[in-house]
Amino acid sequence: MSEKKELICIVCPRGCHLTVDENMNVTGNFCKRGEVYGKNEVTNPTRTITSTVKIAGGTIPRLPVKTSQPIPKGRIFDVMAEIDRLTVQAPVEMNAVLLPNVLGTGADIVATREVTTP
């Protein structure tokens, strides 16, 4: 990194305005989590994905899902394409792993709601 990066921390609702310099010094953070976020955001940004998948035989038409851990930001569209291809069969328990280790990211696609059959 050759110049300062300015970020807004998204770890908590406070939204601290961070500056990360070329020596990886973080300023503007209110808490330690902001420092960790700032360093990670300039070296290896990650995000947790939330979405929905098609569900057959359930009481609702779409099942809410998320990644079990953050994935590299550059893989978001690839993971979303995998989620879009997925159709699950009801019943589904909350936290059920629907797609393990999606695209080798180490993250599972998990259900965030229980769905029963009618």
N, C-alpha and C. Protein backbone atom coordinates (compact mmCIF):
# COMPACT_ATOMS: atom_id res chain seq x y z
N MET A 1 0.85 -1.17 0.00
CA MET A 1 0.00 0.00 0.00
C MET A 1 0.89 1.23 0.00
N SER A 2 0.68 2.13 -0.91
CA SER A 2 1.56 3.29 -1.05
C SER A 2 0.94 4.59 -0.56
N GLU A 3 -0.31 4.60 -0.23
CA GLU A 3 -0.94 5.84 0.23
C GLU A 3 -1.94 5.52 1.32
N LYS A 4 -2.45 6.56 1.94
CA LYS A 4 -3.45 6.38 2.99
C LYS A 4 -4.78 5.97 2.39
N LYS A 5 -5.48 5.09 3.09
CA LYS A 5 -6.83 4.70 2.70
C LYS A 5 -7.78 5.23 3.76
N GLU A 6 -8.89 5.79 3.29
CA GLU A 6 -9.92 6.28 4.21
C GLU A 6 -11.12 5.37 4.08
N LEU A 7 -11.62 4.90 5.22
CA LEU A 7 -12.72 3.93 5.27
C LEU A 7 -13.73 4.36 6.32
N ILE A 8 -14.91 3.80 6.22
CA ILE A 8 -15.89 3.91 7.29
C ILE A 8 -16.07 2.52 7.85
N CYS A 9 -15.83 2.38 9.12
CA CYS A 9 -15.92 1.07 9.77
C CYS A 9 -17.37 0.59 9.79
N ILE A 10 -17.59 -0.69 9.46
CA ILE A 10 -18.94 -1.27 9.45
C ILE A 10 -19.13 -2.34 10.52
N VAL A 11 -18.19 -2.41 11.47
CA VAL A 11 -18.28 -3.44 12.51
C VAL A 11 -19.43 -3.17 13.48
N CYS A 12 -19.67 -1.92 13.79
CA CYS A 12 -20.77 -1.57 14.70
C CYS A 12 -21.50 -0.35 14.15
N PRO A 13 -22.60 0.05 14.74
CA PRO A 13 -23.36 1.20 14.24
C PRO A 13 -22.66 2.56 14.37
N ARG A 14 -21.59 2.63 15.10
CA ARG A 14 -20.91 3.90 15.32
C ARG A 14 -20.36 4.50 14.02
N GLY A 15 -19.87 3.67 13.09
CA GLY A 15 -19.40 4.14 11.79
C GLY A 15 -18.20 5.05 11.86
N CYS A 16 -17.17 4.63 12.58
CA CYS A 16 -15.96 5.46 12.71
C CYS A 16 -15.30 5.70 11.35
N HIS A 17 -14.78 6.90 11.17
CA HIS A 17 -14.05 7.26 9.95
C HIS A 17 -12.58 6.91 10.19
N LEU A 18 -12.12 5.86 9.53
CA LEU A 18 -10.78 5.34 9.73
C LEU A 18 -9.83 5.83 8.65
N THR A 19 -8.58 5.94 9.02
CA THR A 19 -7.49 6.17 8.08
C THR A 19 -6.45 5.09 8.34
N VAL A 20 -6.05 4.40 7.26
CA VAL A 20 -5.01 3.39 7.36
C VAL A 20 -3.84 3.88 6.51
N ASP A 21 -2.67 4.05 7.16
CA ASP A 21 -1.52 4.57 6.41
C ASP A 21 -0.69 3.44 5.82
N GLU A 22 0.38 3.81 5.12
CA GLU A 22 1.22 2.83 4.44
C GLU A 22 1.93 1.88 5.39
N ASN A 23 2.03 2.22 6.68
CA ASN A 23 2.64 1.35 7.68
C ASN A 23 1.60 0.53 8.44
N MET A 24 0.36 0.54 7.93
CA MET A 24 -0.76 -0.19 8.53
C MET A 24 -1.15 0.34 9.90
N ASN A 25 -0.91 1.61 10.15
CA ASN A 25 -1.37 2.27 11.36
C ASN A 25 -2.79 2.76 11.11
N VAL A 26 -3.69 2.43 12.02
CA VAL A 26 -5.10 2.80 11.89
C VAL A 26 -5.40 3.91 12.88
N THR A 27 -6.03 4.98 12.38
CA THR A 27 -6.46 6.07 13.26
C THR A 27 -7.94 6.33 13.01
N GLY A 28 -8.58 6.95 13.98
CA GLY A 28 -10.00 7.29 13.86
C GLY A 28 -10.92 6.25 14.45
N ASN A 29 -10.37 5.12 14.87
CA ASN A 29 -11.21 4.07 15.44
C ASN A 29 -11.50 4.33 16.91
N PHE A 30 -12.73 4.02 17.31
CA PHE A 30 -13.12 4.18 18.70
C PHE A 30 -12.74 2.95 19.52
N CYS A 31 -12.72 1.77 18.88
CA CYS A 31 -12.43 0.54 19.60
C CYS A 31 -11.43 -0.32 18.83
N LYS A 32 -10.95 -1.35 19.47
CA LYS A 32 -9.98 -2.27 18.87
C LYS A 32 -10.54 -2.96 17.63
N ARG A 33 -11.84 -3.23 17.62
CA ARG A 33 -12.45 -3.88 16.45
C ARG A 33 -12.29 -3.04 15.19
N GLY A 34 -12.33 -1.73 15.34
CA GLY A 34 -12.14 -0.84 14.20
C GLY A 34 -10.73 -0.94 13.64
N GLU A 35 -9.75 -1.09 14.52
CA GLU A 35 -8.37 -1.26 14.08
C GLU A 35 -8.21 -2.54 13.27
N VAL A 36 -8.77 -3.62 13.79
CA VAL A 36 -8.71 -4.92 13.08
C VAL A 36 -9.43 -4.82 11.74
N TYR A 37 -10.63 -4.19 11.74
CA TYR A 37 -11.38 -4.03 10.50
C TYR A 37 -10.57 -3.24 9.47
N GLY A 38 -9.98 -2.14 9.88
CA GLY A 38 -9.22 -1.29 8.96
C GLY A 38 -8.06 -2.04 8.32
N LYS A 39 -7.31 -2.77 9.12
CA LYS A 39 -6.19 -3.54 8.59
C LYS A 39 -6.67 -4.62 7.63
N ASN A 40 -7.72 -5.33 8.01
CA ASN A 40 -8.26 -6.39 7.14
C ASN A 40 -8.83 -5.83 5.85
N GLU A 41 -9.47 -4.69 5.93
CA GLU A 41 -10.12 -4.11 4.76
C GLU A 41 -9.11 -3.71 3.68
N VAL A 42 -7.92 -3.30 4.07
CA VAL A 42 -6.93 -2.92 3.07
C VAL A 42 -6.06 -4.10 2.62
N THR A 43 -6.00 -5.17 3.40
CA THR A 43 -5.17 -6.31 3.02
C THR A 43 -5.98 -7.45 2.42
N ASN A 44 -7.15 -7.75 2.98
CA ASN A 44 -7.96 -8.86 2.50
C ASN A 44 -9.42 -8.62 2.89
N PRO A 45 -10.13 -7.76 2.14
CA PRO A 45 -11.52 -7.45 2.49
C PRO A 45 -12.44 -8.67 2.35
N THR A 46 -13.31 -8.85 3.32
CA THR A 46 -14.26 -9.96 3.31
C THR A 46 -15.65 -9.44 3.63
N ARG A 47 -16.66 -10.24 3.27
CA ARG A 47 -18.04 -9.91 3.57
C ARG A 47 -18.82 -11.18 3.86
N THR A 48 -19.85 -11.05 4.70
CA THR A 48 -20.82 -12.12 4.90
C THR A 48 -21.94 -11.88 3.91
N ILE A 49 -22.35 -12.93 3.22
CA ILE A 49 -23.44 -12.82 2.25
C ILE A 49 -24.74 -13.26 2.90
N THR A 50 -25.79 -12.51 2.67
CA THR A 50 -27.14 -12.93 3.03
C THR A 50 -27.97 -12.92 1.75
N SER A 51 -28.83 -13.93 1.60
CA SER A 51 -29.63 -14.04 0.38
C SER A 51 -30.81 -14.96 0.66
N THR A 52 -31.44 -15.43 -0.42
CA THR A 52 -32.50 -16.43 -0.32
C THR A 52 -32.29 -17.47 -1.40
N VAL A 53 -32.82 -18.68 -1.18
CA VAL A 53 -32.79 -19.74 -2.18
C VAL A 53 -34.20 -20.25 -2.39
N LYS A 54 -34.40 -20.90 -3.54
CA LYS A 54 -35.70 -21.51 -3.83
C LYS A 54 -35.89 -22.70 -2.90
N ILE A 55 -37.13 -22.90 -2.47
CA ILE A 55 -37.45 -24.05 -1.63
C ILE A 55 -38.69 -24.72 -2.18
N ALA A 56 -38.62 -26.03 -2.31
CA ALA A 56 -39.75 -26.81 -2.83
C ALA A 56 -40.48 -27.46 -1.66
N GLY A 57 -41.80 -27.43 -1.71
CA GLY A 57 -42.61 -28.11 -0.72
C GLY A 57 -42.67 -27.45 0.63
N GLY A 58 -42.34 -26.18 0.69
CA GLY A 58 -42.33 -25.48 1.97
C GLY A 58 -43.52 -24.56 2.14
N THR A 59 -43.59 -23.95 3.31
CA THR A 59 -44.68 -23.02 3.61
C THR A 59 -44.39 -21.61 3.12
N ILE A 60 -43.18 -21.38 2.62
CA ILE A 60 -42.79 -20.11 2.03
C ILE A 60 -42.06 -20.39 0.71
N PRO A 61 -42.05 -19.44 -0.22
CA PRO A 61 -41.42 -19.70 -1.53
C PRO A 61 -39.90 -19.56 -1.56
N ARG A 62 -39.31 -18.81 -0.64
CA ARG A 62 -37.86 -18.60 -0.61
C ARG A 62 -37.35 -18.78 0.81
N LEU A 63 -36.19 -19.39 0.94
CA LEU A 63 -35.58 -19.66 2.23
C LEU A 63 -34.41 -18.70 2.45
N PRO A 64 -34.41 -17.94 3.54
CA PRO A 64 -33.28 -17.05 3.80
C PRO A 64 -32.03 -17.85 4.19
N VAL A 65 -30.89 -17.43 3.64
CA VAL A 65 -29.62 -18.11 3.89
C VAL A 65 -28.51 -17.08 4.10
N LYS A 66 -27.37 -17.55 4.59
CA LYS A 66 -26.19 -16.70 4.74
C LYS A 66 -24.96 -17.57 4.70
N THR A 67 -23.80 -16.91 4.54
CA THR A 67 -22.56 -17.65 4.65
C THR A 67 -22.23 -17.81 6.13
N SER A 68 -21.63 -18.94 6.47
CA SER A 68 -21.32 -19.22 7.86
C SER A 68 -20.16 -18.38 8.38
N GLN A 69 -19.40 -17.80 7.46
CA GLN A 69 -18.30 -16.91 7.82
C GLN A 69 -18.06 -15.98 6.64
N PRO A 70 -17.36 -14.88 6.87
CA PRO A 70 -17.10 -13.98 5.75
C PRO A 70 -16.27 -14.65 4.65
N ILE A 71 -16.51 -14.23 3.42
CA ILE A 71 -15.76 -14.73 2.26
C ILE A 71 -14.99 -13.57 1.63
N PRO A 72 -13.98 -13.86 0.83
CA PRO A 72 -13.27 -12.77 0.15
C PRO A 72 -14.22 -11.93 -0.70
N LYS A 73 -14.09 -10.63 -0.60
CA LYS A 73 -14.98 -9.71 -1.31
C LYS A 73 -14.99 -9.97 -2.82
N GLY A 74 -13.87 -10.36 -3.37
CA GLY A 74 -13.78 -10.63 -4.80
C GLY A 74 -14.52 -11.88 -5.25
N ARG A 75 -14.99 -12.69 -4.32
CA ARG A 75 -15.71 -13.92 -4.66
C ARG A 75 -17.23 -13.79 -4.51
N ILE A 76 -17.71 -12.62 -4.13
CA ILE A 76 -19.14 -12.44 -3.86
C ILE A 76 -20.01 -12.86 -5.04
N PHE A 77 -19.71 -12.39 -6.25
CA PHE A 77 -20.56 -12.70 -7.40
C PHE A 77 -20.53 -14.19 -7.75
N ASP A 78 -19.37 -14.83 -7.58
CA ASP A 78 -19.27 -16.27 -7.83
C ASP A 78 -20.12 -17.06 -6.83
N VAL A 79 -20.04 -16.67 -5.56
CA VAL A 79 -20.83 -17.36 -4.53
C VAL A 79 -22.32 -17.10 -4.75
N MET A 80 -22.68 -15.88 -5.12
CA MET A 80 -24.09 -15.58 -5.39
C MET A 80 -24.62 -16.42 -6.55
N ALA A 81 -23.80 -16.69 -7.56
CA ALA A 81 -24.22 -17.55 -8.67
C ALA A 81 -24.51 -18.96 -8.18
N GLU A 82 -23.70 -19.46 -7.25
CA GLU A 82 -23.93 -20.80 -6.67
C GLU A 82 -25.22 -20.81 -5.85
N ILE A 83 -25.44 -19.77 -5.08
CA ILE A 83 -26.67 -19.66 -4.28
C ILE A 83 -27.88 -19.63 -5.20
N ASP A 84 -27.78 -18.91 -6.30
CA ASP A 84 -28.89 -18.78 -7.24
C ASP A 84 -29.26 -20.12 -7.88
N ARG A 85 -28.29 -21.01 -8.03
CA ARG A 85 -28.54 -22.33 -8.63
C ARG A 85 -29.20 -23.31 -7.65
N LEU A 86 -29.17 -22.98 -6.38
CA LEU A 86 -29.59 -23.91 -5.33
C LEU A 86 -31.11 -23.94 -5.15
N THR A 87 -31.67 -25.14 -5.09
CA THR A 87 -33.06 -25.37 -4.69
C THR A 87 -33.03 -26.43 -3.60
N VAL A 88 -33.70 -26.16 -2.48
CA VAL A 88 -33.73 -27.13 -1.39
C VAL A 88 -35.16 -27.65 -1.20
N GLN A 89 -35.25 -28.80 -0.58
CA GLN A 89 -36.53 -29.45 -0.33
C GLN A 89 -36.91 -29.28 1.15
N ALA A 90 -38.13 -28.83 1.40
CA ALA A 90 -38.63 -28.71 2.78
C ALA A 90 -38.89 -30.10 3.32
N PRO A 91 -38.81 -30.30 4.61
CA PRO A 91 -38.53 -29.34 5.67
C PRO A 91 -37.02 -29.05 5.79
N VAL A 92 -36.73 -27.87 6.32
CA VAL A 92 -35.35 -27.44 6.54
C VAL A 92 -35.25 -26.89 7.96
N GLU A 93 -34.22 -27.31 8.68
CA GLU A 93 -33.99 -26.79 10.03
C GLU A 93 -33.11 -25.54 9.97
N MET A 94 -33.30 -24.67 10.93
CA MET A 94 -32.46 -23.49 11.04
C MET A 94 -31.00 -23.92 11.24
N ASN A 95 -30.08 -23.23 10.61
CA ASN A 95 -28.64 -23.51 10.65
C ASN A 95 -28.22 -24.76 9.89
N ALA A 96 -29.15 -25.37 9.14
CA ALA A 96 -28.79 -26.53 8.33
C ALA A 96 -27.81 -26.08 7.24
N VAL A 97 -26.77 -26.88 7.03
CA VAL A 97 -25.80 -26.59 5.98
C VAL A 97 -26.40 -27.04 4.66
N LEU A 98 -26.62 -26.09 3.76
CA LEU A 98 -27.23 -26.38 2.47
C LEU A 98 -26.19 -26.57 1.38
N LEU A 99 -25.06 -25.91 1.51
CA LEU A 99 -23.98 -25.99 0.53
C LEU A 99 -22.66 -25.85 1.29
N PRO A 100 -21.99 -26.98 1.57
CA PRO A 100 -20.76 -26.90 2.36
C PRO A 100 -19.59 -26.34 1.54
N ASN A 101 -18.72 -25.61 2.21
CA ASN A 101 -17.47 -25.10 1.64
C ASN A 101 -17.67 -24.55 0.23
N VAL A 102 -18.58 -23.62 0.10
CA VAL A 102 -18.94 -23.07 -1.21
C VAL A 102 -17.70 -22.54 -1.94
N LEU A 103 -17.45 -23.08 -3.11
CA LEU A 103 -16.33 -22.70 -3.98
C LEU A 103 -14.98 -22.71 -3.27
N GLY A 104 -14.83 -23.58 -2.29
CA GLY A 104 -13.55 -23.70 -1.58
C GLY A 104 -13.21 -22.53 -0.69
N THR A 105 -14.21 -21.73 -0.33
CA THR A 105 -13.97 -20.54 0.51
C THR A 105 -13.84 -20.88 1.99
N GLY A 106 -14.26 -22.09 2.37
CA GLY A 106 -14.30 -22.44 3.78
C GLY A 106 -15.61 -22.08 4.43
N ALA A 107 -16.46 -21.37 3.72
CA ALA A 107 -17.77 -20.95 4.26
C ALA A 107 -18.85 -21.88 3.73
N ASP A 108 -19.79 -22.19 4.60
CA ASP A 108 -20.97 -22.97 4.22
C ASP A 108 -22.13 -22.01 3.96
N ILE A 109 -23.06 -22.41 3.10
CA ILE A 109 -24.32 -21.69 2.95
C ILE A 109 -25.28 -22.37 3.91
N VAL A 110 -25.80 -21.61 4.88
CA VAL A 110 -26.66 -22.16 5.92
C VAL A 110 -28.03 -21.49 5.93
N ALA A 111 -29.04 -22.25 6.33
CA ALA A 111 -30.40 -21.73 6.47
C ALA A 111 -30.47 -20.84 7.70
N THR A 112 -31.17 -19.73 7.57
CA THR A 112 -31.32 -18.83 8.72
C THR A 112 -32.73 -18.84 9.28
N ARG A 113 -33.50 -19.84 8.82
CA ARG A 113 -34.87 -19.99 9.28
C ARG A 113 -35.28 -21.44 9.13
N GLU A 114 -36.17 -21.88 9.98
CA GLU A 114 -36.76 -23.22 9.85
C GLU A 114 -37.96 -23.11 8.91
N VAL A 115 -38.10 -24.09 8.02
CA VAL A 115 -39.26 -24.14 7.14
C VAL A 115 -39.86 -25.53 7.21
N THR A 116 -41.17 -25.58 7.44
CA THR A 116 -41.88 -26.85 7.50
C THR A 116 -42.66 -27.08 6.21
N THR A 117 -43.24 -28.25 6.12
CA THR A 117 -44.13 -28.53 4.99
C THR A 117 -45.54 -28.17 5.38
N PRO A 118 -46.39 -27.85 4.39
CA PRO A 118 -47.77 -27.44 4.71
C PRO A 118 -48.57 -28.58 5.34
